[in-house]
Protein backbone atom coordinates (compact mmCIF):
# COMPACT_ATOMS: atom_id res chain seq x y z
CA UNK A 1 -10.96 13.20 223.47
CA UNK A 2 -14.27 12.79 221.70
CA UNK A 3 -15.54 16.26 222.68
CA UNK A 4 -12.74 18.02 220.75
CA UNK A 5 -12.99 18.36 216.99
CA UNK A 6 -10.12 19.89 215.05
CA UNK A 7 -11.74 19.73 211.62
CA UNK A 8 -15.48 19.73 212.18
CA UNK A 9 -16.10 20.71 208.53
CA UNK A 10 -14.02 17.84 207.21
CA UNK A 11 -11.14 18.66 204.88
CA UNK A 12 -12.42 22.16 204.07
CA UNK A 13 -10.60 24.12 206.78
CA UNK A 14 -7.32 22.13 206.63
CA UNK A 15 -7.23 22.43 202.84
CA UNK A 16 -7.98 26.17 202.73
CA UNK A 17 -5.57 26.91 205.56
CA UNK A 18 -2.88 24.90 203.78
CA UNK A 19 -3.46 26.92 200.62
CA UNK A 20 -3.06 30.16 202.61
CA UNK A 21 0.24 28.92 204.07
CA UNK A 22 1.52 27.91 200.62
CA UNK A 23 0.66 31.23 199.01
CA UNK A 24 2.24 33.18 201.87
CA UNK A 25 5.39 31.07 201.56
CA UNK A 26 5.51 31.50 197.79
CA UNK A 27 5.35 35.29 197.93
CA UNK A 28 7.75 35.50 200.89
CA UNK A 29 10.38 33.29 199.25
CA UNK A 30 10.30 35.23 196.03
CA UNK A 31 10.35 38.61 197.80
CA UNK A 32 13.29 37.54 199.97
CA UNK A 33 15.17 36.46 196.88
CA UNK A 34 14.61 39.88 195.30
CA UNK A 35 15.80 41.47 198.55
CA UNK A 36 19.08 39.61 198.38
CA UNK A 37 19.63 40.92 194.86
CA UNK A 38 19.23 44.57 195.84
CA UNK A 39 20.71 46.98 198.35
CA UNK A 40 19.69 49.79 200.69
CA UNK A 41 16.08 50.94 200.79
CA UNK A 42 15.01 48.50 198.12
CA UNK A 43 16.32 45.52 200.11
CA UNK A 44 14.63 46.77 203.28
CA UNK A 45 11.28 47.16 201.57
CA UNK A 46 11.40 43.74 199.92
CA UNK A 47 12.17 42.20 203.32
CA UNK A 48 9.22 44.04 204.88
CA UNK A 49 7.03 42.73 202.06
CA UNK A 50 8.31 39.19 202.68
CA UNK A 51 7.70 39.52 206.44
CA UNK A 52 4.10 40.60 205.97
CA UNK A 53 3.52 37.82 203.44
CA UNK A 54 5.01 35.00 205.51
CA UNK A 55 3.87 36.18 208.95
CA UNK A 56 0.42 37.09 207.72
CA UNK A 57 0.13 33.86 205.76
CA UNK A 58 0.96 31.79 208.84
CA UNK A 59 -1.52 33.77 210.95
CA UNK A 60 -4.24 33.36 208.31
CA UNK A 61 -3.52 29.65 208.12
CA UNK A 62 -3.85 29.34 211.90
CA UNK A 63 -7.20 31.06 212.22
CA UNK A 64 -8.76 29.48 209.15
CA UNK A 65 -7.83 26.14 210.69
CA UNK A 66 -9.34 27.31 213.99
CA UNK A 67 -12.72 27.68 212.25
CA UNK A 68 -12.80 23.90 212.33
CA UNK A 69 -11.96 23.69 216.06
CA UNK A 70 -15.06 22.85 218.08
CA UNK A 71 -15.56 21.83 221.70
CA UNK A 72 -18.82 19.95 222.20
CA UNK A 73 -21.20 21.82 224.47
CA UNK A 74 -19.19 25.06 224.42
CA UNK A 75 -19.24 28.17 222.29
CA UNK A 76 -15.75 29.37 221.44
CA UNK A 77 -15.09 33.10 221.39
CA UNK A 78 -11.86 35.07 220.95
CA UNK A 79 -10.40 38.07 222.68
CA UNK A 80 -10.03 40.41 219.69
CA UNK A 81 -7.11 42.60 220.89
CA UNK A 82 -5.07 39.52 221.82
CA UNK A 83 -5.90 37.94 218.47
CA UNK A 84 -4.72 41.00 216.58
CA UNK A 85 -1.61 41.10 218.75
CA UNK A 86 -0.84 37.56 217.59
CA UNK A 87 -0.91 38.84 213.99
CA UNK A 88 1.50 41.65 214.85
CA UNK A 89 3.81 39.20 216.65
CA UNK A 90 3.83 36.88 213.63
CA UNK A 91 4.81 39.65 211.22
CA UNK A 92 7.35 41.35 213.50
CA UNK A 93 9.20 38.24 214.66
CA UNK A 94 9.24 36.68 211.20
CA UNK A 95 10.65 40.04 210.09
CA UNK A 96 13.41 39.77 212.70
CA UNK A 97 14.45 36.44 211.23
CA UNK A 98 14.33 37.66 207.63
CA UNK A 99 16.23 40.85 208.41
CA UNK A 100 18.84 38.89 210.40
CA UNK A 101 19.61 36.85 207.30
CA UNK A 102 18.88 39.49 204.68
CA UNK A 103 21.20 42.14 206.15
CA UNK A 104 24.02 39.82 207.18
CA UNK A 105 27.33 39.93 205.34
CA UNK A 106 27.37 36.14 205.70
CA UNK A 107 23.73 35.03 205.34
CA UNK A 108 24.40 31.31 205.71
CA UNK A 109 26.18 31.86 209.03
CA UNK A 110 23.23 33.93 210.23
CA UNK A 111 20.77 31.21 209.16
CA UNK A 112 20.56 29.34 212.51
CA UNK A 113 19.88 32.56 214.44
CA UNK A 114 17.36 33.76 211.89
CA UNK A 115 15.65 30.37 211.80
CA UNK A 116 15.47 30.19 215.59
CA UNK A 117 14.01 33.70 215.88
CA UNK A 118 11.48 33.11 213.13
CA UNK A 119 10.46 29.69 214.44
CA UNK A 120 9.97 30.97 217.97
CA UNK A 121 7.91 33.80 216.53
CA UNK A 122 5.67 31.36 214.69
CA UNK A 123 5.21 29.33 217.87
CA UNK A 124 4.54 32.49 219.88
CA UNK A 125 1.88 33.52 217.37
CA UNK A 126 0.21 30.12 217.65
CA UNK A 127 0.08 30.01 221.44
CA UNK A 128 -0.79 33.69 221.75
CA UNK A 129 -3.68 33.01 219.39
CA UNK A 130 -4.70 30.09 221.60
CA UNK A 131 -4.47 32.33 224.69
CA UNK A 132 -7.15 34.47 223.03
CA UNK A 133 -9.62 31.57 223.14
CA UNK A 134 -12.55 32.12 225.50
CA UNK A 135 -14.77 29.16 226.38
CA UNK A 136 -16.64 27.83 229.43
CA UNK A 137 -13.88 25.65 230.75
CA UNK A 138 -10.13 25.26 231.17
CA UNK A 139 -7.53 24.65 228.47
CA UNK A 140 -4.40 22.69 229.35
CA UNK A 141 -1.47 21.51 227.24
CA UNK A 142 0.75 18.44 227.02
CA UNK A 143 4.20 19.99 227.37
CA UNK A 144 5.99 17.31 225.34
CA UNK A 145 3.70 17.89 222.36
CA UNK A 146 4.07 21.66 222.78
CA UNK A 147 7.85 21.22 222.62
CA UNK A 148 7.50 19.12 219.47
CA UNK A 149 5.40 21.85 217.83
CA UNK A 150 8.02 24.49 218.69
CA UNK A 151 10.74 22.25 217.24
CA UNK A 152 8.76 21.84 214.02
CA UNK A 153 8.30 25.63 213.84
CA UNK A 154 12.05 26.27 214.18
CA UNK A 155 12.95 23.62 211.60
CA UNK A 156 10.32 24.90 209.18
CA UNK A 157 11.49 28.50 209.59
CA UNK A 158 15.14 27.55 209.09
CA UNK A 159 14.23 25.58 205.98
CA UNK A 160 12.25 28.54 204.67
CA UNK A 161 15.19 30.91 205.11
CA UNK A 162 17.56 28.38 203.54
CA UNK A 163 15.22 28.11 200.55
CA UNK A 164 15.11 31.90 200.23
CA UNK A 165 18.91 32.00 200.14
CA UNK A 166 19.43 29.12 197.74
CA UNK A 167 16.44 28.72 195.40
CA UNK A 168 16.91 31.06 192.45
CA UNK A 169 14.39 29.90 189.89
CA UNK A 170 10.67 30.55 190.08
CA UNK A 171 10.00 26.87 189.41
CA UNK A 172 12.04 25.84 192.45
CA UNK A 173 10.25 28.40 194.62
CA UNK A 174 6.88 27.12 193.42
CA UNK A 175 7.98 23.60 194.31
CA UNK A 176 9.28 24.63 197.75
CA UNK A 177 6.19 26.60 198.81
CA UNK A 178 3.91 23.53 199.24
CA UNK A 179 6.58 21.84 201.35
CA UNK A 180 6.82 24.91 203.57
CA UNK A 181 3.02 25.11 203.76
CA UNK A 182 2.92 21.49 204.90
CA UNK A 183 5.50 22.23 207.61
CA UNK A 184 3.48 25.21 208.88
CA UNK A 185 0.30 23.12 209.00
CA UNK A 186 2.19 20.31 210.77
CA UNK A 187 3.27 22.78 213.45
CA UNK A 188 -0.31 24.01 213.90
CA UNK A 189 -1.94 20.59 214.19
CA UNK A 190 0.86 19.27 216.41
CA UNK A 191 0.22 22.23 218.71
CA UNK A 192 -3.51 21.53 218.63
CA UNK A 193 -2.87 17.88 219.51
CA UNK A 194 -1.41 19.15 222.79
CA UNK A 195 -4.73 20.74 223.77
CA UNK A 196 -7.06 19.35 226.42
CA UNK A 197 -10.27 21.08 227.47
CA UNK A 198 -12.25 20.55 230.67
CA UNK A 199 -15.70 22.03 230.04
CA UNK A 200 -17.53 23.71 232.91
CA UNK A 201 -21.22 24.15 231.90
CA UNK A 202 -21.82 26.55 234.80
CA UNK A 203 -19.11 28.92 233.72
CA UNK A 204 -20.16 31.99 231.75
CA UNK A 205 -18.06 33.44 228.95
CA UNK A 206 -18.21 37.22 228.61
CA UNK A 207 -16.67 39.36 225.91
CA UNK A 208 -14.87 38.24 222.83
CA UNK A 209 -16.16 37.55 219.33
CA UNK A 210 -16.84 34.36 217.42
CA UNK A 211 -14.12 33.41 214.95
CA UNK A 212 -16.05 34.06 211.77
CA UNK A 213 -16.58 37.71 212.76
CA UNK A 214 -12.88 38.53 212.40
CA UNK A 215 -11.34 35.57 210.59
CA UNK A 216 -13.49 35.80 207.50
CA UNK A 217 -12.93 39.50 206.66
CA UNK A 218 -9.24 39.42 207.59
CA UNK A 219 -8.60 36.13 205.81
CA UNK A 220 -10.40 37.29 202.69
CA UNK A 221 -8.49 40.58 202.70
CA UNK A 222 -5.13 38.96 203.27
CA UNK A 223 -5.95 36.14 200.87
CA UNK A 224 -6.66 38.70 198.16
CA UNK A 225 -3.35 40.42 198.91
CA UNK A 226 -1.45 37.15 198.70
CA UNK A 227 -3.26 36.03 195.55
CA UNK A 228 -2.57 39.27 193.71
CA UNK A 229 1.05 39.24 194.88
CA UNK A 230 1.43 35.64 193.70
CA UNK A 231 0.14 36.56 190.26
CA UNK A 232 2.54 39.50 190.12
CA UNK A 233 5.49 37.22 190.80
CA UNK A 234 4.32 34.34 188.67
CA UNK A 235 2.83 35.82 185.50
CA UNK A 236 3.72 39.49 185.20
CA UNK A 237 6.74 39.95 182.92
CA UNK A 238 7.07 43.62 183.85
CA UNK A 239 7.22 42.97 187.59
CA UNK A 240 9.68 40.12 187.12
CA UNK A 241 11.86 42.12 184.80
CA UNK A 242 12.04 45.19 187.04
CA UNK A 243 11.42 44.20 190.67
CA UNK A 244 12.85 47.44 192.03
CA UNK A 245 10.11 49.49 190.32
CA UNK A 246 7.76 48.72 193.22
CA UNK A 247 10.11 49.89 195.93
CA UNK A 248 12.67 52.18 194.37
CA UNK A 249 15.90 51.72 192.43
CA UNK A 250 18.47 49.18 193.49
CA UNK A 251 21.84 48.47 191.91
CA UNK A 252 21.11 44.77 191.56
CA UNK A 253 17.88 45.18 189.60
CA UNK A 254 19.48 44.08 186.31
CA UNK A 255 20.72 40.90 188.00
CA UNK A 256 17.23 40.23 189.31
CA UNK A 257 15.88 40.35 185.80
CA UNK A 258 17.94 37.32 184.92
CA UNK A 259 16.40 35.20 187.68
C-alpha cells in the first residue's frame, strides 16, 4: 500500500535499530554465559542483567524502527502506559526464558521451552507495542504474516539461548550477535508487513504522545547502558577477569576468568 511507509527516513532507522538489537544481543549472550559459570545469587543477577539487556534491546529496536513508520495523511501517536507495558513484557518474558534455561539441571533439554517462552514474549512485545498506536483509522493484520513473524521470533529466541549455552569465546559471541540482531529485525519487519491501515480523515485522535517524545530519551538512555556494558565485556580486563565482582562472589568465578 502506497500510503504506508516503513522506513520514511531511508536506511537510518533500520540501521540504528539493527545496531540496538545487536548490542543488546551481545551483552545478553555474554551475561548469560557468565551466569552459567556461577551459582546462587551471582547466577540470578547475571540472568537479570541478561534479561534487561536482551528484552530492552529488542524493545529499543522496535521503537527506533517505528520512528520510520508513517501513514500518509495521519499523525501517529502512542498510548504511553501501554508502550511502557510492552517494555516490561519484553524484559519479564525474556527473563522467563533465560531463567528456564539458566536454572535447569539440563539446560539443553530446557532449551525448547525457554525458546518458546522467550519468542512468544518478543512477539507479545511487538504486538502490544502496535496496540499502543493511535491514528485516525483502523489497523488490521494479515494473520498468515503474523504467524510467520511469531515463528521467526521463536526460532530467533531459541537460537539465542542455544548460542548462550554453547558459545564460550568472546569472538564467537561477537560474531553471533549480528546474526541475532538480523533475526530480531526480520521478526519486526515481517510483523510490520502484516499491517494494513484504513485511514478515516474524520476521525479524531485524542491522547497519546508522538514517538519521538518517549523513544528518543528512552532509546538514548538504554543505548548508553548497552554501549557501556558492551565496552565492559569487550575491553575491560578487570571485568572479564572477575565477573562476579559486579554481583557478588560465585564459586565459578575462576573458571569464568579462563573464558
